[in-house]
Amino acid sequence: MKNVYANIFAGLYHGQLGRPMESFAFIHKASHKLQVIMRPSLDKMRRIKRNSEFIQETKYNQLALTFWTCLQLESDLIAEMQLPPSGLLSYEDDMPHPNMSLLEGFDQRILDSYPGQLYLRTHLNSIHRMFYAPEDPAKTGKDKFRNVGVVSDAVSGMHWVAPSFAFREDDPPADDILAARLRAKYWGAQVITYRPFIRQILQFSHSIKNHASSPNFPSVSSEFRQDVTAPVIHPKARKIGDIDPQVVELAKKGIKALIESTRAFHGLGDKRPIITNIFGTAHAQWGNLLVLSAAFRDPVLHSYVDEELLRTLFHKTIQFLRQSATATSALRTDMHILEGLQRDLFSYDPRTNSSFSSGTSAPGYHTPRPVAMAAPPQMPHSMSDQGHPRSMPHHLQMTSHGQ
């Protein structure tokens, strides 16, 4: 297990440096080693899970804690990039959660926040599987979600989180890192749930603009599997007034989720937040802003995106990207794309707008400098894609948030 821990720590270290590929290599290696170690204990763990019991032995508690830590870290990275899963996700339904009461020496808020992170991670995985994964006839009837409303209700009731971390959807961003991470993950789940309705409307508006008089008017496609109940724009719709009001309402919820997901860490001040996957978080915020910008320009959705708020989100996200990106990082490219989009949307000129140009200058907190250490382990050339719900293009899986 010490070897597994060492690989986890190395993965976290590279995650802080904004090096997702190196981070993933270490997490992937830890996950592979863990699967070998936990194999003799699987029957015991399955029984505990099946009987809804609490783990009582430290040995099994350490296995569960390590399993869920690796699963979270790996899932957060795979959500943003096309990377080969280790196979750990195939054990998700067999593993009980760790018994936090057996852990000593930790602040109570840390112990309270960890189960909330686990719930949201499994919820995110369920959304991907139930909505986006190819349909598997062998698993018919086992699905947890068949309806968009049920998915949202699974988290909006706040039953999954300790009372000290519960919040209302209209609360301002949290001012401590543990609460901010939970809210970022929560809003990330809501984005994945509602984003398809934003896409439907954007697609429809594009069709009206470019194919209004064409007999081959393109129909709006759904991102969901065929067996999922969700409203859709009717194939015979030809004008904005024909859009099902329920689609608009769900898209409005998606815009709210995109906004809150993007500003989840804005209550922490200007200091670089300590989060497990800085690349995933920053890249997800970049993706959120691309969708919000498209909604801002859309005739149907424009009224739901406040211009001043969007300006603020651009300003703070560009600042965060500049703070997090190294010279050769993909985050640097993300930053330049947002700067160009900012100019297009708001006629922004850094030479004349002092409030923006001064605010986006690099703050006094810098990406930590790497120290000499062993090279990341080599990735195997081919691996089975065991159960990971990655049917959407990786650049659209922008809400998992590596918090």
Protein backbone atom coordinates (compact mmCIF):
# COMPACT_ATOMS: atom_id res chain seq x y z
CA MET A 1 0.00 0.00 0.00
CA LYS A 2 2.90 2.36 0.62
CA ASN A 3 3.72 2.18 -3.09
CA VAL A 4 0.11 3.09 -3.90
CA TYR A 5 0.24 6.04 -1.49
CA ALA A 6 3.51 7.25 -3.01
CA ASN A 7 1.98 7.23 -6.50
CA ILE A 8 -1.10 9.10 -5.26
CA PHE A 9 1.06 11.79 -3.67
CA ALA A 10 3.16 12.09 -6.85
CA GLY A 11 -0.05 12.43 -8.86
CA LEU A 12 -1.34 15.15 -6.54
CA TYR A 13 1.99 16.97 -6.78
CA HIS A 14 1.88 17.06 -10.57
CA GLY A 15 -1.77 18.09 -10.38
CA GLN A 16 -0.70 21.16 -8.39
CA LEU A 17 1.82 21.97 -11.11
CA GLY A 18 -0.91 21.87 -13.75
CA ARG A 19 0.60 18.79 -15.41
CA PRO A 20 -2.39 16.50 -15.99
CA MET A 21 -0.64 13.87 -18.13
CA GLU A 22 2.10 13.27 -15.56
CA SER A 23 -0.48 13.36 -12.77
CA PHE A 24 -2.64 10.79 -14.55
CA ALA A 25 0.32 8.46 -15.12
CA PHE A 26 0.94 8.25 -11.36
CA ILE A 27 -2.76 7.95 -10.45
CA HIS A 28 -3.18 5.28 -13.13
CA LYS A 29 -0.26 3.30 -11.72
CA ALA A 30 -1.65 3.61 -8.19
CA SER A 31 -5.05 2.36 -9.40
CA HIS A 32 -3.52 -0.68 -11.10
CA LYS A 33 -1.52 -1.64 -8.02
CA LEU A 34 -4.55 -1.13 -5.80
CA GLN A 35 -6.66 -3.53 -7.89
CA VAL A 36 -4.10 -6.27 -7.28
CA ILE A 37 -3.92 -5.53 -3.55
CA MET A 38 -7.67 -5.41 -2.97
CA ARG A 39 -8.55 -8.55 -4.96
CA PRO A 40 -8.38 -10.94 -1.94
CA SER A 41 -10.69 -8.58 0.01
CA LEU A 42 -13.33 -8.05 -2.68
CA ASP A 43 -15.80 -10.63 -1.36
CA LYS A 44 -15.64 -9.11 2.11
CA MET A 45 -16.12 -5.59 0.72
CA ARG A 46 -19.05 -6.70 -1.44
CA ARG A 47 -20.77 -8.22 1.61
CA ILE A 48 -20.33 -5.03 3.59
CA LYS A 49 -21.78 -3.00 0.72
CA ARG A 50 -24.64 -5.43 0.06
CA ASN A 51 -25.66 -5.49 3.74
CA SER A 52 -25.37 -1.68 4.08
CA GLU A 53 -22.95 -2.12 6.96
CA PHE A 54 -20.19 0.18 8.18
CA ILE A 55 -16.60 -0.98 7.83
CA GLN A 56 -15.24 -1.81 11.30
CA GLU A 57 -11.68 -2.97 10.57
CA THR A 58 -8.89 -0.50 9.82
CA LYS A 59 -7.44 -2.71 7.07
CA TYR A 60 -10.64 -2.64 5.02
CA ASN A 61 -11.24 1.02 5.80
CA GLN A 62 -7.84 1.91 4.35
CA LEU A 63 -8.65 -0.08 1.21
CA ALA A 64 -11.96 1.73 0.79
CA LEU A 65 -10.41 5.14 1.42
CA THR A 66 -7.63 4.49 -1.10
CA PHE A 67 -10.07 3.08 -3.67
CA TRP A 68 -12.39 6.09 -3.57
CA THR A 69 -9.48 8.53 -3.59
CA CYS A 70 -8.00 6.93 -6.72
CA LEU A 71 -11.43 6.72 -8.36
CA GLN A 72 -12.12 10.42 -7.80
CA LEU A 73 -8.71 11.56 -9.01
CA GLU A 74 -8.79 9.33 -12.10
CA SER A 75 -12.38 10.27 -13.01
CA ASP A 76 -11.65 13.99 -12.73
CA LEU A 77 -8.76 13.68 -15.18
CA ILE A 78 -10.56 11.42 -17.66
CA ALA A 79 -13.48 13.86 -17.72
CA GLU A 80 -11.29 16.49 -19.38
CA MET A 81 -9.02 14.37 -21.60
CA GLN A 82 -9.14 11.18 -23.63
CA LEU A 83 -7.13 8.89 -21.39
CA PRO A 84 -7.27 5.11 -20.82
CA PRO A 85 -9.15 4.14 -17.63
CA SER A 86 -7.43 1.77 -15.22
CA GLY A 87 -10.51 -0.41 -14.77
CA LEU A 88 -11.10 0.81 -11.21
CA LEU A 89 -14.55 2.13 -12.10
CA SER A 90 -15.81 -1.41 -12.72
CA TYR A 91 -15.63 -1.99 -8.93
CA GLU A 92 -17.63 1.13 -8.04
CA ASP A 93 -20.83 -0.78 -7.19
CA ASP A 94 -18.93 -3.30 -5.04
CA MET A 95 -17.06 -0.92 -2.75
CA PRO A 96 -18.53 0.51 0.46
CA HIS A 97 -17.65 4.04 1.45
CA PRO A 98 -14.97 4.41 4.13
CA ASN A 99 -16.08 4.72 7.74
CA MET A 100 -14.93 8.24 8.55
CA SER A 101 -15.38 7.69 12.30
CA LEU A 102 -12.41 5.28 12.27
CA LEU A 103 -10.06 8.04 11.09
CA GLU A 104 -8.13 10.02 13.69
CA GLY A 105 -6.25 13.30 13.57
CA PHE A 106 -8.45 15.06 10.99
CA ASP A 107 -10.55 18.19 11.37
CA GLN A 108 -14.26 17.36 11.52
CA ARG A 109 -15.05 19.51 8.47
CA ILE A 110 -12.61 17.45 6.40
CA LEU A 111 -14.29 14.25 7.59
CA ASP A 112 -17.71 15.73 6.75
CA SER A 113 -16.75 16.94 3.28
CA TYR A 114 -15.22 13.69 1.99
CA PRO A 115 -18.48 11.66 1.85
CA GLY A 116 -20.10 14.57 0.02
CA GLN A 117 -17.36 14.47 -2.60
CA LEU A 118 -17.90 10.72 -2.99
CA TYR A 119 -21.64 11.10 -3.44
CA LEU A 120 -21.21 13.74 -6.13
CA ARG A 121 -18.54 11.72 -7.94
CA THR A 122 -20.77 8.62 -8.12
CA HIS A 123 -23.67 10.89 -9.13
CA LEU A 124 -21.60 12.32 -11.99
CA ASN A 125 -20.63 8.84 -13.13
CA SER A 126 -24.28 7.79 -13.03
CA ILE A 127 -25.30 10.76 -15.18
CA HIS A 128 -22.73 9.82 -17.82
CA ARG A 129 -23.79 6.18 -17.78
CA MET A 130 -27.53 6.72 -17.78
CA PHE A 131 -27.71 9.61 -20.22
CA TYR A 132 -24.76 9.39 -22.54
CA ALA A 133 -23.35 5.85 -22.56
CA PRO A 134 -24.35 3.49 -25.39
CA GLU A 135 -27.35 1.42 -24.41
CA ASP A 136 -26.52 -2.05 -23.13
CA PRO A 137 -29.48 -4.46 -23.50
CA ALA A 138 -28.04 -6.66 -20.76
CA LYS A 139 -28.43 -3.86 -18.22
CA THR A 140 -32.02 -2.92 -19.00
CA GLY A 141 -33.93 -2.13 -15.83
CA LYS A 142 -30.84 -1.46 -13.72
CA ASP A 143 -30.63 2.22 -14.55
CA LYS A 144 -30.93 4.63 -11.68
CA PHE A 145 -32.04 7.57 -13.83
CA ARG A 146 -34.51 7.66 -16.70
CA ASN A 147 -35.77 11.21 -16.26
CA VAL A 148 -33.97 14.56 -16.14
CA GLY A 149 -36.00 15.78 -13.16
CA VAL A 150 -35.08 12.72 -11.10
CA VAL A 151 -31.39 13.36 -11.75
CA SER A 152 -31.56 16.93 -10.49
CA ASP A 153 -33.63 15.96 -7.44
CA ALA A 154 -30.96 13.42 -6.46
CA VAL A 155 -28.67 16.28 -5.38
CA SER A 156 -30.81 19.41 -5.00
CA GLY A 157 -32.38 18.18 -1.74
CA MET A 158 -28.99 18.43 0.06
CA HIS A 159 -29.57 15.11 1.84
CA TRP A 160 -26.17 13.94 0.60
CA VAL A 161 -24.11 16.48 2.52
CA ALA A 162 -23.46 17.26 6.20
CA PRO A 163 -25.64 20.12 7.54
CA SER A 164 -22.58 22.35 7.92
CA PHE A 165 -22.03 22.19 4.13
CA ALA A 166 -25.66 22.46 2.98
CA PHE A 167 -26.42 25.54 0.87
CA ARG A 168 -29.17 27.18 -1.17
CA GLU A 169 -28.79 27.57 -4.91
CA ASP A 170 -28.98 31.37 -4.59
CA ASP A 171 -26.19 31.56 -1.98
CA PRO A 172 -23.04 33.52 -2.93
CA PRO A 173 -19.85 31.51 -3.60
CA ALA A 174 -18.38 29.82 -0.52
CA ASP A 175 -15.50 31.47 1.32
CA ASP A 176 -13.69 28.29 2.39
CA ILE A 177 -12.02 25.74 0.14
CA LEU A 178 -13.89 22.62 1.33
CA ALA A 179 -17.32 24.16 0.76
CA ALA A 180 -16.19 25.67 -2.55
CA ARG A 181 -15.01 22.27 -3.83
CA LEU A 182 -18.32 20.64 -2.93
CA ARG A 183 -20.33 23.39 -4.61
CA ALA A 184 -18.15 23.28 -7.71
CA LYS A 185 -18.78 19.55 -8.02
CA TYR A 186 -22.51 20.04 -7.36
CA TRP A 187 -22.86 22.69 -10.06
CA GLY A 188 -20.74 20.58 -12.40
CA ALA A 189 -23.31 17.79 -12.06
CA GLN A 190 -26.13 20.24 -12.76
CA VAL A 191 -24.32 21.50 -15.87
CA ILE A 192 -24.07 18.00 -17.31
CA THR A 193 -27.76 17.44 -16.54
CA TYR A 194 -29.07 20.61 -18.21
CA ARG A 195 -26.45 21.45 -20.85
CA PRO A 196 -28.13 19.35 -23.58
CA PHE A 197 -31.11 21.73 -23.54
CA ILE A 198 -28.85 24.73 -24.12
CA ARG A 199 -27.33 22.83 -27.03
CA GLN A 200 -30.77 22.11 -28.49
CA ILE A 201 -31.68 25.79 -28.52
CA LEU A 202 -28.31 26.90 -29.92
CA GLN A 203 -28.64 24.28 -32.66
CA PHE A 204 -32.19 25.39 -33.45
CA SER A 205 -31.23 29.09 -33.60
CA HIS A 206 -28.38 28.23 -35.95
CA SER A 207 -30.76 26.28 -38.19
CA ILE A 208 -33.24 29.18 -38.32
CA LYS A 209 -30.47 31.58 -39.26
CA ASN A 210 -28.94 29.42 -41.97
CA HIS A 211 -31.73 27.16 -43.22
CA ALA A 212 -34.95 29.11 -42.59
CA SER A 213 -36.25 28.78 -46.15
CA SER A 214 -34.63 25.44 -46.91
CA PRO A 215 -36.89 22.40 -47.39
CA ASN A 216 -34.16 20.34 -45.68
CA PHE A 217 -34.44 22.09 -42.32
CA PRO A 218 -32.11 20.13 -39.98
CA SER A 219 -33.79 18.60 -36.95
CA VAL A 220 -32.36 19.16 -33.49
CA SER A 221 -30.55 16.13 -32.09
CA SER A 222 -30.60 15.01 -28.46
CA GLU A 223 -27.48 14.10 -26.50
CA PHE A 224 -29.45 11.67 -24.36
CA ARG A 225 -29.94 7.98 -24.95
CA GLN A 226 -33.20 7.05 -26.64
CA ASP A 227 -34.66 5.49 -23.50
CA VAL A 228 -34.25 8.66 -21.40
CA THR A 229 -37.33 10.83 -20.96
CA ALA A 230 -36.48 14.45 -21.76
CA PRO A 231 -38.25 17.27 -23.63
CA VAL A 232 -36.96 18.05 -27.12
CA ILE A 233 -37.64 20.69 -29.77
CA HIS A 234 -40.21 19.24 -32.16
CA PRO A 235 -38.87 18.27 -35.61
CA LYS A 236 -41.56 20.44 -37.27
CA ALA A 237 -40.64 23.57 -35.28
CA ARG A 238 -39.60 26.40 -37.61
CA LYS A 239 -39.62 29.53 -35.45
CA ILE A 240 -38.61 30.51 -31.92
CA GLY A 241 -42.22 30.48 -30.74
CA ASP A 242 -42.42 26.77 -31.58
CA ILE A 243 -39.86 25.80 -28.93
CA ASP A 244 -41.33 23.79 -26.06
CA PRO A 245 -41.31 26.16 -23.01
CA GLN A 246 -40.02 23.27 -20.90
CA VAL A 247 -36.87 23.10 -23.04
CA VAL A 248 -36.31 26.82 -22.46
CA GLU A 249 -36.85 26.44 -18.71
CA LEU A 250 -34.35 23.58 -18.49
CA ALA A 251 -31.84 25.55 -20.58
CA LYS A 252 -32.29 28.46 -18.17
CA LYS A 253 -31.35 26.12 -15.30
CA GLY A 254 -28.33 25.07 -17.34
CA ILE A 255 -27.20 28.69 -17.67
CA LYS A 256 -27.56 29.15 -13.91
CA ALA A 257 -25.45 26.02 -13.37
CA LEU A 258 -22.77 27.20 -15.83
CA ILE A 259 -22.51 30.54 -14.02
CA GLU A 260 -22.28 29.00 -10.55
CA SER A 261 -19.84 26.32 -11.70
CA THR A 262 -17.58 29.01 -13.16
CA ARG A 263 -17.57 31.20 -10.07
CA ALA A 264 -17.50 28.45 -7.44
CA PHE A 265 -14.02 29.51 -6.26
CA HIS A 266 -14.53 33.28 -6.56
CA GLY A 267 -15.28 33.64 -2.86
CA LEU A 268 -11.77 32.52 -1.87
CA GLY A 269 -9.94 35.70 -2.85
CA ASP A 270 -7.15 36.09 -5.39
CA LYS A 271 -4.79 33.49 -3.96
CA ARG A 272 -4.38 30.37 -6.08
CA PRO A 273 -6.73 27.73 -4.60
CA ILE A 274 -5.31 24.41 -3.45
CA ILE A 275 -7.30 21.89 -5.49
CA THR A 276 -6.45 18.39 -6.63
CA ASN A 277 -6.59 19.01 -10.39
CA ILE A 278 -5.88 22.63 -11.28
CA PHE A 279 -5.86 21.85 -15.01
CA GLY A 280 -9.27 20.18 -14.96
CA THR A 281 -10.84 23.00 -12.96
CA ALA A 282 -9.42 25.77 -15.14
CA HIS A 283 -10.21 23.95 -18.39
CA ALA A 284 -13.78 23.30 -17.23
CA GLN A 285 -14.27 27.00 -16.46
CA TRP A 286 -12.97 27.82 -19.95
CA GLY A 287 -15.53 25.44 -21.45
CA ASN A 288 -18.31 26.94 -19.34
CA LEU A 289 -17.52 30.42 -20.67
CA LEU A 290 -17.59 29.23 -24.28
CA VAL A 291 -21.14 27.95 -23.77
CA LEU A 292 -22.22 31.08 -21.86
CA SER A 293 -20.83 33.25 -24.66
CA ALA A 294 -22.83 31.33 -27.25
CA ALA A 295 -25.95 31.69 -25.07
CA PHE A 296 -25.29 35.43 -24.68
CA ARG A 297 -25.38 35.80 -28.48
CA ASP A 298 -28.44 33.58 -28.91
CA PRO A 299 -31.83 35.26 -29.55
CA VAL A 300 -33.64 32.85 -27.21
CA LEU A 301 -31.13 32.59 -24.36
CA HIS A 302 -29.63 36.09 -24.43
CA SER A 303 -31.98 37.46 -21.75
CA TYR A 304 -30.84 34.82 -19.24
CA VAL A 305 -27.15 35.86 -19.35
CA ASP A 306 -26.44 39.11 -17.53
CA GLU A 307 -23.81 41.11 -19.43
CA GLU A 308 -22.07 42.57 -16.39
CA LEU A 309 -21.89 39.18 -14.73
CA LEU A 310 -20.47 37.65 -17.92
CA ARG A 311 -17.83 40.40 -18.04
CA THR A 312 -16.86 39.59 -14.46
CA LEU A 313 -16.66 35.87 -15.20
CA PHE A 314 -14.38 36.54 -18.18
CA HIS A 315 -12.16 38.81 -16.11
CA LYS A 316 -11.77 36.38 -13.22
CA THR A 317 -11.42 33.26 -15.37
CA ILE A 318 -8.71 34.83 -17.53
CA GLN A 319 -6.94 35.87 -14.33
CA PHE A 320 -7.24 32.30 -12.99
CA LEU A 321 -5.88 30.84 -16.23
CA ARG A 322 -2.95 33.26 -16.24
CA GLN A 323 -2.27 32.32 -12.63
CA SER A 324 -2.41 28.57 -13.32
CA ALA A 325 -0.86 28.16 -16.79
CA THR A 326 2.78 27.48 -17.53
CA ALA A 327 4.31 28.85 -20.73
CA THR A 328 3.60 25.69 -22.75
CA SER A 329 0.38 24.59 -21.06
CA ALA A 330 -2.89 24.10 -22.95
CA LEU A 331 -4.32 26.47 -20.33
CA ARG A 332 -2.26 29.23 -21.91
CA THR A 333 -4.08 28.56 -25.19
CA ASP A 334 -7.40 28.54 -23.31
CA MET A 335 -6.51 31.94 -21.88
CA HIS A 336 -5.72 33.44 -25.30
CA ILE A 337 -8.98 32.06 -26.72
CA LEU A 338 -10.95 33.73 -23.92
CA GLU A 339 -9.07 37.00 -24.41
CA GLY A 340 -10.03 36.97 -28.09
CA LEU A 341 -13.63 36.12 -27.28
CA GLN A 342 -13.69 38.86 -24.66
CA ARG A 343 -12.65 41.40 -27.30
CA ASP A 344 -15.31 40.13 -29.70
CA LEU A 345 -18.11 40.23 -27.14
CA PHE A 346 -17.34 43.45 -25.32
CA SER A 347 -15.03 45.37 -27.69
CA TYR A 348 -12.48 45.04 -24.93
CA ASP A 349 -9.15 46.82 -25.46
CA PRO A 350 -6.57 46.26 -22.71
CA ARG A 351 -4.75 49.46 -23.69
CA THR A 352 -7.73 51.65 -22.87
CA ASN A 353 -9.63 49.73 -20.20
CA SER A 354 -7.52 50.20 -17.12
CA SER A 355 -9.87 48.44 -14.74
CA PHE A 356 -9.66 45.21 -16.73
CA SER A 357 -6.03 45.38 -17.70
CA SER A 358 -4.87 46.01 -14.16
CA GLY A 359 -7.16 43.34 -12.77
CA THR A 360 -5.94 40.66 -15.11
CA SER A 361 -2.27 41.20 -14.43
CA ALA A 362 -0.58 38.25 -12.80
CA PRO A 363 -1.02 38.34 -9.01
CA GLY A 364 1.69 37.71 -6.50
CA TYR A 365 0.95 34.00 -6.32
CA HIS A 366 2.69 31.81 -8.83
CA THR A 367 2.51 28.26 -10.03
CA PRO A 368 4.89 26.29 -7.78
CA ARG A 369 8.22 25.47 -9.35
CA PRO A 370 8.81 21.76 -9.95
CA VAL A 371 11.64 20.06 -8.13
CA ALA A 372 13.72 17.22 -9.51
CA MET A 373 11.98 13.89 -9.12
CA ALA A 374 11.53 10.60 -10.86
CA ALA A 375 9.92 10.65 -14.28
CA PRO A 376 6.29 9.54 -14.37
CA PRO A 377 5.75 5.86 -15.06
CA GLN A 378 5.20 4.82 -18.66
CA MET A 379 1.62 4.23 -19.72
CA PRO A 380 0.80 0.85 -21.23
CA HIS A 381 0.03 0.95 -24.94
CA SER A 382 -3.43 -0.56 -24.71
CA MET A 383 -5.95 -0.98 -21.96
CA SER A 384 -9.54 -2.02 -21.66
CA ASP A 385 -12.06 0.78 -21.42
CA GLN A 386 -13.85 -0.88 -18.54
CA GLY A 387 -17.10 0.82 -17.87
CA HIS A 388 -15.98 4.42 -17.99
CA PRO A 389 -18.89 6.54 -19.21
CA ARG A 390 -17.09 8.50 -21.89
CA SER A 391 -19.38 8.64 -24.90
CA MET A 392 -19.44 12.41 -25.22
CA PRO A 393 -16.47 14.06 -26.90
CA HIS A 394 -13.86 14.74 -24.27
CA HIS A 395 -13.90 18.49 -24.96
CA LEU A 396 -17.59 18.56 -24.02
CA GLN A 397 -17.04 16.76 -20.72
CA MET A 398 -16.20 20.04 -19.12
CA THR A 399 -17.95 19.88 -15.83
CA SER A 400 -16.35 17.25 -13.74
CA HIS A 401 -14.10 19.76 -12.05
CA GLY A 402 -10.94 18.45 -10.59
CA GLN A 403 -11.56 19.91 -7.18
